[in-house]
Amino acid sequence: MRHDALQVSGLSTGYRDRQIIQSLSLPVFRPGEVHSLLGPNAAGKSTLLRALAGLQPATGSVKLGERELIGLSLAEHARRVTYMPQTLPQGVALSVLESVLGALQASATDHPGDVGGKAGHDADQRRAVAILERVGILHLALEGLDHLSGGQRQLVSLAQSLVREPRVLLLDEPISALDLQHQLRVMRLVQELARERGMIAIMVLHDLQIAARWSEGIVMLSQGAVVATGTPAQAITPDTLARVYGVQARVEHCSRGGLQIMVDDVLPGALPAGARR
């Protein structure tokens, strides 16, 4: 597997009636790293993720190694980049195992050396079972997707994304429906697999504490623009939290070296998150 960095420069994207992101450039995302996109509602986080995934038109440059991704067909884009949406589609009459196998078979072009026939099917089964076990939902393998809770469906979506073994994994709020234990399990798993596979993981998160603990890099967005980037300690500061979220906060180092973020109050005159002046 090639281990290429992801470079984003001069990226503009949006919708028919409104430009959300204009001429945005980001630090280099390197293989083996986990990065988090932070910011209030309507900051442009999910729009940026969808543009990186090739799911909506964009201009500028998104390079993986020397390969320009903007302009590729959706199929060619998906061979390199996998996108995990916030929720799975409803009304899908498949078992958990079948859905993960389907995701694997859809990415068969990523693995041209794979064998077909019964041997290939058995190999796919083993890969699907292995990722379900790693995600911690092997006991749900034969359950129908429509019988699962929101959190369980989110874990299935993660398994579908990971089984494809992408070079870039884009996760849109991957822990929003999970309890605290499963949030930590997912973050640990993504970090482990990024390092094992040389994969780049970029995720949208709302929990600043979790982002600070599990990310090598942070990108703080507000109204479609980058406010701060860098390590968690560089990007998550009282100043950036005041500018982006309109809150008064303290950021301290705990005894284990991580960041402790304490929000004390809303700043006077601060607009609701996502509001525009």
C-alpha atoms as a PDB file:
ATOM      1  CA  MET A   1       0.000   0.000   0.000  1.00  0.00           C
ATOM      2  CA  ARG A   2       1.292   3.442  -0.927  1.00  0.00           C
ATOM      3  CA  HIS A   3       1.528   5.932   1.902  1.00  0.00           C
ATOM      4  CA  ASP A   4       0.900   9.377   0.420  1.00  0.00           C
ATOM      5  CA  ALA A   5       0.142  12.667   2.143  1.00  0.00           C
ATOM      6  CA  LEU A   6      -3.081  14.583   1.434  1.00  0.00           C
ATOM      7  CA  GLN A   7      -2.704  18.224   0.413  1.00  0.00           C
ATOM      8  CA  VAL A   8      -5.599  20.689   0.146  1.00  0.00           C
ATOM      9  CA  SER A   9      -5.101  24.160  -1.339  1.00  0.00           C
ATOM     10  CA  GLY A  10      -7.400  26.865  -2.701  1.00  0.00           C
ATOM     11  CA  LEU A  11     -10.487  24.704  -2.198  1.00  0.00           C
ATOM     12  CA  SER A  12     -13.877  26.295  -2.900  1.00  0.00           C
ATOM     13  CA  THR A  13     -17.210  24.510  -2.634  1.00  0.00           C
ATOM     14  CA  GLY A  14     -20.813  25.064  -1.692  1.00  0.00           C
ATOM     15  CA  TYR A  15     -24.333  24.725  -2.999  1.00  0.00           C
ATOM     16  CA  ARG A  16     -26.265  26.215  -5.879  1.00  0.00           C
ATOM     17  CA  ASP A  17     -27.424  29.260  -3.948  1.00  0.00           C
ATOM     18  CA  ARG A  18     -24.515  29.786  -1.572  1.00  0.00           C
ATOM     19  CA  GLN A  19     -20.750  29.349  -1.443  1.00  0.00           C
ATOM     20  CA  ILE A  20     -19.794  27.714   1.873  1.00  0.00           C
ATOM     21  CA  ILE A  21     -16.010  27.453   1.563  1.00  0.00           C
ATOM     22  CA  GLN A  22     -13.841  29.744  -0.533  1.00  0.00           C
ATOM     23  CA  SER A  23     -10.109  29.395  -1.305  1.00  0.00           C
ATOM     24  CA  LEU A  24      -9.462  27.239   1.743  1.00  0.00           C
ATOM     25  CA  SER A  25      -6.019  25.702   2.292  1.00  0.00           C
ATOM     26  CA  LEU A  26      -5.106  23.192   4.982  1.00  0.00           C
ATOM     27  CA  PRO A  27      -1.939  21.802   6.554  1.00  0.00           C
ATOM     28  CA  VAL A  28      -0.598  18.592   5.032  1.00  0.00           C
ATOM     29  CA  PHE A  29      -2.346  15.467   6.339  1.00  0.00           C
ATOM     30  CA  ARG A  30       0.245  12.703   6.704  1.00  0.00           C
ATOM     31  CA  PRO A  31      -0.219   8.909   6.657  1.00  0.00           C
ATOM     32  CA  GLY A  32      -0.829   7.324  10.046  1.00  0.00           C
ATOM     33  CA  GLU A  33      -2.360  10.466  11.550  1.00  0.00           C
ATOM     34  CA  VAL A  34      -5.814  11.316  12.911  1.00  0.00           C
ATOM     35  CA  HIS A  35      -7.087  14.858  12.386  1.00  0.00           C
ATOM     36  CA  SER A  36     -10.276  16.474  13.685  1.00  0.00           C
ATOM     37  CA  LEU A  37     -12.378  19.227  12.133  1.00  0.00           C
ATOM     38  CA  LEU A  38     -13.919  21.386  14.868  1.00  0.00           C
ATOM     39  CA  GLY A  39     -16.294  24.321  14.837  1.00  0.00           C
ATOM     40  CA  PRO A  40     -19.892  25.323  15.533  1.00  0.00           C
ATOM     41  CA  ASN A  41     -22.919  24.301  13.497  1.00  0.00           C
ATOM     42  CA  ALA A  42     -22.826  25.677   9.931  1.00  0.00           C
ATOM     43  CA  ALA A  43     -19.061  26.208  10.096  1.00  0.00           C
ATOM     44  CA  GLY A  44     -18.587  24.185   6.899  1.00  0.00           C
ATOM     45  CA  LYS A  45     -17.174  20.991   8.442  1.00  0.00           C
ATOM     46  CA  SER A  46     -19.471  18.460   6.758  1.00  0.00           C
ATOM     47  CA  THR A  47     -19.392  20.424   3.494  1.00  0.00           C
ATOM     48  CA  LEU A  48     -15.596  20.273   3.524  1.00  0.00           C
ATOM     49  CA  LEU A  49     -15.646  16.543   4.234  1.00  0.00           C
ATOM     50  CA  ARG A  50     -18.060  15.875   1.363  1.00  0.00           C
ATOM     51  CA  ALA A  51     -15.903  17.922  -1.002  1.00  0.00           C
ATOM     52  CA  LEU A  52     -12.817  15.922   0.017  1.00  0.00           C
ATOM     53  CA  ALA A  53     -14.829  12.755  -0.626  1.00  0.00           C
ATOM     54  CA  GLY A  54     -15.726  13.913  -4.139  1.00  0.00           C
ATOM     55  CA  LEU A  55     -19.432  13.970  -3.311  1.00  0.00           C
ATOM     56  CA  GLN A  56     -20.015  17.567  -4.338  1.00  0.00           C
ATOM     57  CA  PRO A  57     -18.418  19.860  -6.916  1.00  0.00           C
ATOM     58  CA  ALA A  58     -15.322  21.757  -5.841  1.00  0.00           C
ATOM     59  CA  THR A  59     -12.540  23.811  -7.369  1.00  0.00           C
ATOM     60  CA  GLY A  60      -8.956  24.164  -6.252  1.00  0.00           C
ATOM     61  CA  SER A  61      -6.634  21.265  -5.507  1.00  0.00           C
ATOM     62  CA  VAL A  62      -6.923  18.102  -3.420  1.00  0.00           C
ATOM     63  CA  LYS A  63      -3.860  15.913  -3.984  1.00  0.00           C
ATOM     64  CA  LEU A  64      -3.127  12.468  -2.582  1.00  0.00           C
ATOM     65  CA  GLY A  65       0.562  12.119  -3.205  1.00  0.00           C
ATOM     66  CA  GLU A  66       1.021  13.340  -6.773  1.00  0.00           C
ATOM     67  CA  ARG A  67      -2.526  12.449  -7.857  1.00  0.00           C
ATOM     68  CA  GLU A  68      -5.068  15.243  -8.177  1.00  0.00           C
ATOM     69  CA  LEU A  69      -8.426  14.030  -6.848  1.00  0.00           C
ATOM     70  CA  ILE A  70     -10.629  16.885  -8.069  1.00  0.00           C
ATOM     71  CA  GLY A  71     -11.971  15.905 -11.456  1.00  0.00           C
ATOM     72  CA  LEU A  72     -11.744  12.141 -10.904  1.00  0.00           C
ATOM     73  CA  SER A  73     -14.857  10.061 -11.428  1.00  0.00           C
ATOM     74  CA  LEU A  74     -16.701   9.121  -8.257  1.00  0.00           C
ATOM     75  CA  ALA A  75     -15.578   5.501  -8.673  1.00  0.00           C
ATOM     76  CA  GLU A  76     -11.909   6.497  -9.047  1.00  0.00           C
ATOM     77  CA  HIS A  77     -12.213   8.843  -6.075  1.00  0.00           C
ATOM     78  CA  ALA A  78     -13.785   6.102  -3.936  1.00  0.00           C
ATOM     79  CA  ARG A  79     -10.861   3.775  -4.646  1.00  0.00           C
ATOM     80  CA  ARG A  80      -8.676   6.112  -2.586  1.00  0.00           C
ATOM     81  CA  VAL A  81     -11.050   7.874  -0.204  1.00  0.00           C
ATOM     82  CA  THR A  82     -13.859   6.390   1.901  1.00  0.00           C
ATOM     83  CA  TYR A  83     -16.543   8.610   3.423  1.00  0.00           C
ATOM     84  CA  MET A  84     -18.637   7.619   6.449  1.00  0.00           C
ATOM     85  CA  PRO A  85     -21.840   9.700   6.672  1.00  0.00           C
ATOM     86  CA  GLN A  86     -23.523  10.582   9.953  1.00  0.00           C
ATOM     87  CA  THR A  87     -26.198   7.901   9.505  1.00  0.00           C
ATOM     88  CA  LEU A  88     -26.879   4.816   7.399  1.00  0.00           C
ATOM     89  CA  PRO A  89     -29.828   4.968   4.982  1.00  0.00           C
ATOM     90  CA  GLN A  90     -33.094   3.619   6.369  1.00  0.00           C
ATOM     91  CA  GLY A  91     -35.086   0.699   4.980  1.00  0.00           C
ATOM     92  CA  VAL A  92     -32.140  -1.493   3.933  1.00  0.00           C
ATOM     93  CA  ALA A  93     -33.154  -5.167   4.233  1.00  0.00           C
ATOM     94  CA  LEU A  94     -29.698  -6.593   4.916  1.00  0.00           C
ATOM     95  CA  SER A  95     -28.015  -8.203   7.874  1.00  0.00           C
ATOM     96  CA  VAL A  96     -25.000  -6.502   9.423  1.00  0.00           C
ATOM     97  CA  LEU A  97     -22.647  -9.083   7.888  1.00  0.00           C
ATOM     98  CA  GLU A  98     -24.258  -8.738   4.464  1.00  0.00           C
ATOM     99  CA  SER A  99     -23.915  -4.964   4.563  1.00  0.00           C
ATOM    100  CA  VAL A 100     -20.211  -5.166   5.417  1.00  0.00           C
ATOM    101  CA  LEU A 101     -19.643  -7.770   2.702  1.00  0.00           C
ATOM    102  CA  GLY A 102     -21.438  -5.487   0.256  1.00  0.00           C
ATOM    103  CA  ALA A 103     -19.124  -2.603   1.154  1.00  0.00           C
ATOM    104  CA  LEU A 104     -16.113  -4.872   0.669  1.00  0.00           C
ATOM    105  CA  GLN A 105     -17.305  -6.142  -2.703  1.00  0.00           C
ATOM    106  CA  ALA A 106     -17.997  -2.592  -3.854  1.00  0.00           C
ATOM    107  CA  SER A 107     -14.328  -1.809  -3.245  1.00  0.00           C
ATOM    108  CA  ALA A 108     -13.048  -4.919  -5.070  1.00  0.00           C
ATOM    109  CA  THR A 109     -11.193  -2.733  -7.569  1.00  0.00           C
ATOM    110  CA  ASP A 110      -8.962  -1.614  -4.703  1.00  0.00           C
ATOM    111  CA  HIS A 111      -7.656  -5.167  -4.403  1.00  0.00           C
ATOM    112  CA  PRO A 112      -6.996  -6.415  -7.928  1.00  0.00           C
ATOM    113  CA  GLY A 113      -4.995  -9.362  -6.622  1.00  0.00           C
ATOM    114  CA  ASP A 114      -7.948 -10.864  -4.768  1.00  0.00           C
ATOM    115  CA  VAL A 115      -9.119 -14.238  -6.018  1.00  0.00           C
ATOM    116  CA  GLY A 116     -12.680 -14.925  -7.120  1.00  0.00           C
ATOM    117  CA  GLY A 117     -14.964 -17.913  -6.681  1.00  0.00           C
ATOM    118  CA  LYS A 118     -15.427 -19.757  -3.410  1.00  0.00           C
ATOM    119  CA  ALA A 119     -11.889 -18.965  -2.231  1.00  0.00           C
ATOM    120  CA  GLY A 120     -12.503 -15.255  -2.803  1.00  0.00           C
ATOM    121  CA  HIS A 121     -15.895 -15.394  -1.077  1.00  0.00           C
ATOM    122  CA  ASP A 122     -14.359 -17.162   1.923  1.00  0.00           C
ATOM    123  CA  ALA A 123     -11.596 -14.559   2.102  1.00  0.00           C
ATOM    124  CA  ASP A 124     -14.179 -11.761   2.028  1.00  0.00           C
ATOM    125  CA  GLN A 125     -16.137 -13.485   4.793  1.00  0.00           C
ATOM    126  CA  ARG A 126     -13.017 -13.674   6.953  1.00  0.00           C
ATOM    127  CA  ARG A 127     -12.225  -9.997   6.376  1.00  0.00           C
ATOM    128  CA  ALA A 128     -15.783  -8.947   7.172  1.00  0.00           C
ATOM    129  CA  VAL A 129     -15.913 -11.053  10.329  1.00  0.00           C
ATOM    130  CA  ALA A 130     -12.495  -9.755  11.416  1.00  0.00           C
ATOM    131  CA  ILE A 131     -13.534  -6.093  11.116  1.00  0.00           C
ATOM    132  CA  LEU A 132     -16.849  -6.733  12.908  1.00  0.00           C
ATOM    133  CA  GLU A 133     -14.883  -8.319  15.735  1.00  0.00           C
ATOM    134  CA  ARG A 134     -12.432  -5.425  15.814  1.00  0.00           C
ATOM    135  CA  VAL A 135     -15.252  -2.880  15.957  1.00  0.00           C
ATOM    136  CA  GLY A 136     -16.872  -4.967  18.717  1.00  0.00           C
ATOM    137  CA  ILE A 137     -20.131  -5.869  16.964  1.00  0.00           C
ATOM    138  CA  LEU A 138     -19.541  -9.445  15.808  1.00  0.00           C
ATOM    139  CA  HIS A 139     -22.476 -10.503  17.991  1.00  0.00           C
ATOM    140  CA  LEU A 140     -24.716  -8.404  15.711  1.00  0.00           C
ATOM    141  CA  ALA A 141     -23.534 -10.063  12.469  1.00  0.00           C
ATOM    142  CA  LEU A 142     -26.851 -11.766  11.684  1.00  0.00           C
ATOM    143  CA  GLU A 143     -29.090  -8.939  12.930  1.00  0.00           C
ATOM    144  CA  GLY A 144     -31.027  -6.889  10.395  1.00  0.00           C
ATOM    145  CA  LEU A 145     -29.926  -3.272  10.001  1.00  0.00           C
ATOM    146  CA  ASP A 146     -33.471  -2.042  10.625  1.00  0.00           C
ATOM    147  CA  HIS A 147     -33.493  -3.746  14.041  1.00  0.00           C
ATOM    148  CA  LEU A 148     -30.480  -1.857  15.356  1.00  0.00           C
ATOM    149  CA  SER A 149     -30.269   1.198  17.571  1.00  0.00           C
ATOM    150  CA  GLY A 150     -28.791   4.430  16.263  1.00  0.00           C
ATOM    151  CA  GLY A 151     -25.502   3.755  18.005  1.00  0.00           C
ATOM    152  CA  GLN A 152     -25.293   0.207  16.652  1.00  0.00           C
ATOM    153  CA  ARG A 153     -25.984   1.459  13.125  1.00  0.00           C
ATOM    154  CA  GLN A 154     -23.187   3.966  13.536  1.00  0.00           C
ATOM    155  CA  LEU A 155     -20.787   1.152  14.446  1.00  0.00           C
ATOM    156  CA  VAL A 156     -21.921  -0.836  11.402  1.00  0.00           C
ATOM    157  CA  SER A 157     -21.232   2.190   9.208  1.00  0.00           C
ATOM    158  CA  LEU A 158     -17.737   2.380  10.691  1.00  0.00           C
ATOM    159  CA  ALA A 159     -17.169  -1.320   9.936  1.00  0.00           C
ATOM    160  CA  GLN A 160     -18.328  -0.778   6.330  1.00  0.00           C
ATOM    161  CA  SER A 161     -15.808   2.038   5.964  1.00  0.00           C
ATOM    162  CA  LEU A 162     -12.879   0.253   7.603  1.00  0.00           C
ATOM    163  CA  VAL A 163     -13.287  -3.036   5.730  1.00  0.00           C
ATOM    164  CA  ARG A 164     -12.515  -1.186   2.473  1.00  0.00           C
ATOM    165  CA  GLU A 165      -9.019  -0.350   3.810  1.00  0.00           C
ATOM    166  CA  PRO A 166      -8.985   3.171   2.341  1.00  0.00           C
ATOM    167  CA  ARG A 167      -5.930   5.370   2.078  1.00  0.00           C
ATOM    168  CA  VAL A 168      -8.016   8.295   3.379  1.00  0.00           C
ATOM    169  CA  LEU A 169     -10.918   7.780   5.784  1.00  0.00           C
ATOM    170  CA  LEU A 170     -13.398  10.648   6.240  1.00  0.00           C
ATOM    171  CA  LEU A 171     -15.754  10.334   9.221  1.00  0.00           C
ATOM    172  CA  ASP A 172     -18.678  12.716   9.750  1.00  0.00           C
ATOM    173  CA  GLU A 173     -19.510  12.755  13.476  1.00  0.00           C
ATOM    174  CA  PRO A 174     -18.679   9.037  13.944  1.00  0.00           C
ATOM    175  CA  ILE A 175     -19.424   8.987  17.687  1.00  0.00           C
ATOM    176  CA  SER A 176     -22.488  11.242  17.931  1.00  0.00           C
ATOM    177  CA  ALA A 177     -24.906   8.374  18.756  1.00  0.00           C
ATOM    178  CA  LEU A 178     -22.551   6.391  21.003  1.00  0.00           C
ATOM    179  CA  ASP A 179     -22.237   6.161  24.762  1.00  0.00           C
ATOM    180  CA  LEU A 180     -18.992   7.212  26.415  1.00  0.00           C
ATOM    181  CA  GLN A 181     -17.386   3.751  26.433  1.00  0.00           C
ATOM    182  CA  HIS A 182     -18.087   3.176  22.751  1.00  0.00           C
ATOM    183  CA  GLN A 183     -16.892   6.685  21.883  1.00  0.00           C
ATOM    184  CA  LEU A 184     -13.507   5.886  23.397  1.00  0.00           C
ATOM    185  CA  ARG A 185     -13.402   2.452  21.742  1.00  0.00           C
ATOM    186  CA  VAL A 186     -14.064   3.967  18.318  1.00  0.00           C
ATOM    187  CA  MET A 187     -11.453   6.687  18.739  1.00  0.00           C
ATOM    188  CA  ARG A 188      -8.842   4.173  19.886  1.00  0.00           C
ATOM    189  CA  LEU A 189      -9.660   1.848  16.975  1.00  0.00           C
ATOM    190  CA  VAL A 190      -9.407   4.608  14.359  1.00  0.00           C
ATOM    191  CA  GLN A 191      -6.085   5.740  15.813  1.00  0.00           C
ATOM    192  CA  GLU A 192      -4.720   2.168  15.880  1.00  0.00           C
ATOM    193  CA  LEU A 193      -5.776   1.373  12.314  1.00  0.00           C
ATOM    194  CA  ALA A 194      -4.446   4.684  10.997  1.00  0.00           C
ATOM    195  CA  ARG A 195      -1.035   3.814  12.385  1.00  0.00           C
ATOM    196  CA  GLU A 196      -1.142   0.149  11.352  1.00  0.00           C
ATOM    197  CA  ARG A 197      -2.237   0.831   7.770  1.00  0.00           C
ATOM    198  CA  GLY A 198      -0.593   4.189   7.151  1.00  0.00           C
ATOM    199  CA  MET A 199      -4.104   5.570   6.682  1.00  0.00           C
ATOM    200  CA  ILE A 200      -5.091   9.240   6.966  1.00  0.00           C
ATOM    201  CA  ALA A 201      -8.196   9.713   9.137  1.00  0.00           C
ATOM    202  CA  ILE A 202     -10.077  13.032   9.152  1.00  0.00           C
ATOM    203  CA  MET A 203     -13.206  13.345  11.263  1.00  0.00           C
ATOM    204  CA  VAL A 204     -15.810  15.915  12.205  1.00  0.00           C
ATOM    205  CA  LEU A 205     -16.250  16.046  15.987  1.00  0.00           C
ATOM    206  CA  HIS A 206     -18.121  18.244  18.436  1.00  0.00           C
ATOM    207  CA  ASP A 207     -16.508  16.972  21.636  1.00  0.00           C
ATOM    208  CA  LEU A 208     -13.412  19.129  22.122  1.00  0.00           C
ATOM    209  CA  GLN A 209     -12.035  16.936  24.890  1.00  0.00           C
ATOM    210  CA  ILE A 210     -12.125  13.779  22.775  1.00  0.00           C
ATOM    211  CA  ALA A 211     -10.664  15.591  19.770  1.00  0.00           C
ATOM    212  CA  ALA A 212      -7.802  16.925  21.907  1.00  0.00           C
ATOM    213  CA  ARG A 213      -7.033  13.473  23.294  1.00  0.00           C
ATOM    214  CA  TRP A 214      -7.106  11.403  20.108  1.00  0.00           C
ATOM    215  CA  SER A 215      -5.999  13.737  17.301  1.00  0.00           C
ATOM    216  CA  GLU A 216      -2.537  14.545  16.038  1.00  0.00           C
ATOM    217  CA  GLY A 217      -3.897  17.646  14.343  1.00  0.00           C
ATOM    218  CA  ILE A 218      -6.844  20.025  14.700  1.00  0.00           C
ATOM    219  CA  VAL A 219      -8.492  22.252  12.099  1.00  0.00           C
ATOM    220  CA  MET A 220     -10.801  24.854  13.653  1.00  0.00           C
ATOM    221  CA  LEU A 221     -13.395  26.258  11.251  1.00  0.00           C
ATOM    222  CA  SER A 222     -15.841  29.142  11.491  1.00  0.00           C
ATOM    223  CA  GLN A 223     -18.153  30.333   8.698  1.00  0.00           C
ATOM    224  CA  GLY A 224     -16.245  28.316   6.092  1.00  0.00           C
ATOM    225  CA  ALA A 225     -12.820  29.688   7.000  1.00  0.00           C
ATOM    226  CA  VAL A 226      -9.885  28.262   8.936  1.00  0.00           C
ATOM    227  CA  VAL A 227      -9.411  29.985  12.291  1.00  0.00           C
ATOM    228  CA  ALA A 228      -6.650  27.789  13.733  1.00  0.00           C
ATOM    229  CA  THR A 229      -4.646  24.674  12.893  1.00  0.00           C
ATOM    230  CA  GLY A 230      -1.926  22.670  14.561  1.00  0.00           C
ATOM    231  CA  THR A 231      -1.605  20.282  17.451  1.00  0.00           C
ATOM    232  CA  PRO A 232      -4.489  20.249  19.949  1.00  0.00           C
ATOM    233  CA  ALA A 233      -2.517  22.560  22.262  1.00  0.00           C
ATOM    234  CA  GLN A 234      -1.829  24.989  19.420  1.00  0.00           C
ATOM    235  CA  ALA A 235      -5.361  25.084  17.998  1.00  0.00           C
ATOM    236  CA  ILE A 236      -7.581  24.754  21.076  1.00  0.00           C
ATOM    237  CA  THR A 237      -6.904  27.852  23.148  1.00  0.00           C
ATOM    238  CA  PRO A 238      -9.055  30.286  25.147  1.00  0.00           C
ATOM    239  CA  ASP A 239      -8.680  32.790  22.299  1.00  0.00           C
ATOM    240  CA  THR A 240      -9.805  30.429  19.532  1.00  0.00           C
ATOM    241  CA  LEU A 241     -12.693  29.117  21.639  1.00  0.00           C
ATOM    242  CA  ALA A 242     -13.837  32.684  22.218  1.00  0.00           C
ATOM    243  CA  ARG A 243     -13.564  33.564  18.508  1.00  0.00           C
ATOM    244  CA  VAL A 244     -15.153  30.373  17.165  1.00  0.00           C
ATOM    245  CA  TYR A 245     -17.715  29.412  19.815  1.00  0.00           C
ATOM    246  CA  GLY A 246     -18.277  32.701  21.640  1.00  0.00           C
ATOM    247  CA  VAL A 247     -17.470  31.187  25.041  1.00  0.00           C
ATOM    248  CA  GLN A 248     -15.171  32.013  27.906  1.00  0.00           C
ATOM    249  CA  ALA A 249     -13.018  28.948  28.548  1.00  0.00           C
ATOM    250  CA  ARG A 250      -9.871  27.733  30.255  1.00  0.00           C
ATOM    251  CA  VAL A 251      -7.456  25.258  28.670  1.00  0.00           C
ATOM    252  CA  GLU A 252      -5.047  23.568  31.052  1.00  0.00           C
ATOM    253  CA  HIS A 253      -2.718  20.577  31.000  1.00  0.00           C
ATOM    254  CA  CYS A 254      -3.769  17.680  33.191  1.00  0.00           C
ATOM    255  CA  SER A 255      -1.359  15.480  35.164  1.00  0.00           C
ATOM    256  CA  ARG A 256      -1.083  13.039  32.236  1.00  0.00           C
ATOM    257  CA  GLY A 257      -0.093  15.762  29.791  1.00  0.00           C
ATOM    258  CA  GLY A 258      -3.404  16.038  27.943  1.00  0.00           C
ATOM    259  CA  LEU A 259      -5.596  19.098  27.604  1.00  0.00           C
ATOM    260  CA  GLN A 260      -8.375  19.872  30.049  1.00  0.00           C
ATOM    261  CA  ILE A 261     -10.982  22.212  28.569  1.00  0.00           C
ATOM    262  CA  MET A 262     -13.337  23.996  30.938  1.00  0.00           C
ATOM    263  CA  VAL A 263     -16.053  26.268  29.546  1.00  0.00           C
ATOM    264  CA  ASP A 264     -17.131  28.858  32.105  1.00  0.00           C
ATOM    265  CA  ASP A 265     -19.697  31.016  30.313  1.00  0.00           C
ATOM    266  CA  VAL A 266     -21.053  32.475  27.086  1.00  0.00           C
ATOM    267  CA  LEU A 267     -19.336  35.720  26.162  1.00  0.00           C
ATOM    268  CA  PRO A 268     -21.527  38.838  26.236  1.00  0.00           C
ATOM    269  CA  GLY A 269     -22.909  39.635  22.799  1.00  0.00           C
ATOM    270  CA  ALA A 270     -21.944  36.238  21.346  1.00  0.00           C
ATOM    271  CA  LEU A 271     -24.229  35.005  18.583  1.00  0.00           C
ATOM    272  CA  PRO A 272     -25.644  31.460  18.663  1.00  0.00           C
ATOM    273  CA  ALA A 273     -23.309  28.917  17.076  1.00  0.00           C
ATOM    274  CA  GLY A 274     -23.621  29.006  13.289  1.00  0.00           C
ATOM    275  CA  ALA A 275     -25.237  32.435  13.142  1.00  0.00           C
ATOM    276  CA  ARG A 276     -23.774  34.957  10.733  1.00  0.00           C
ATOM    277  CA  ARG A 277     -23.281  38.625  11.392  1.00  0.00           C
END
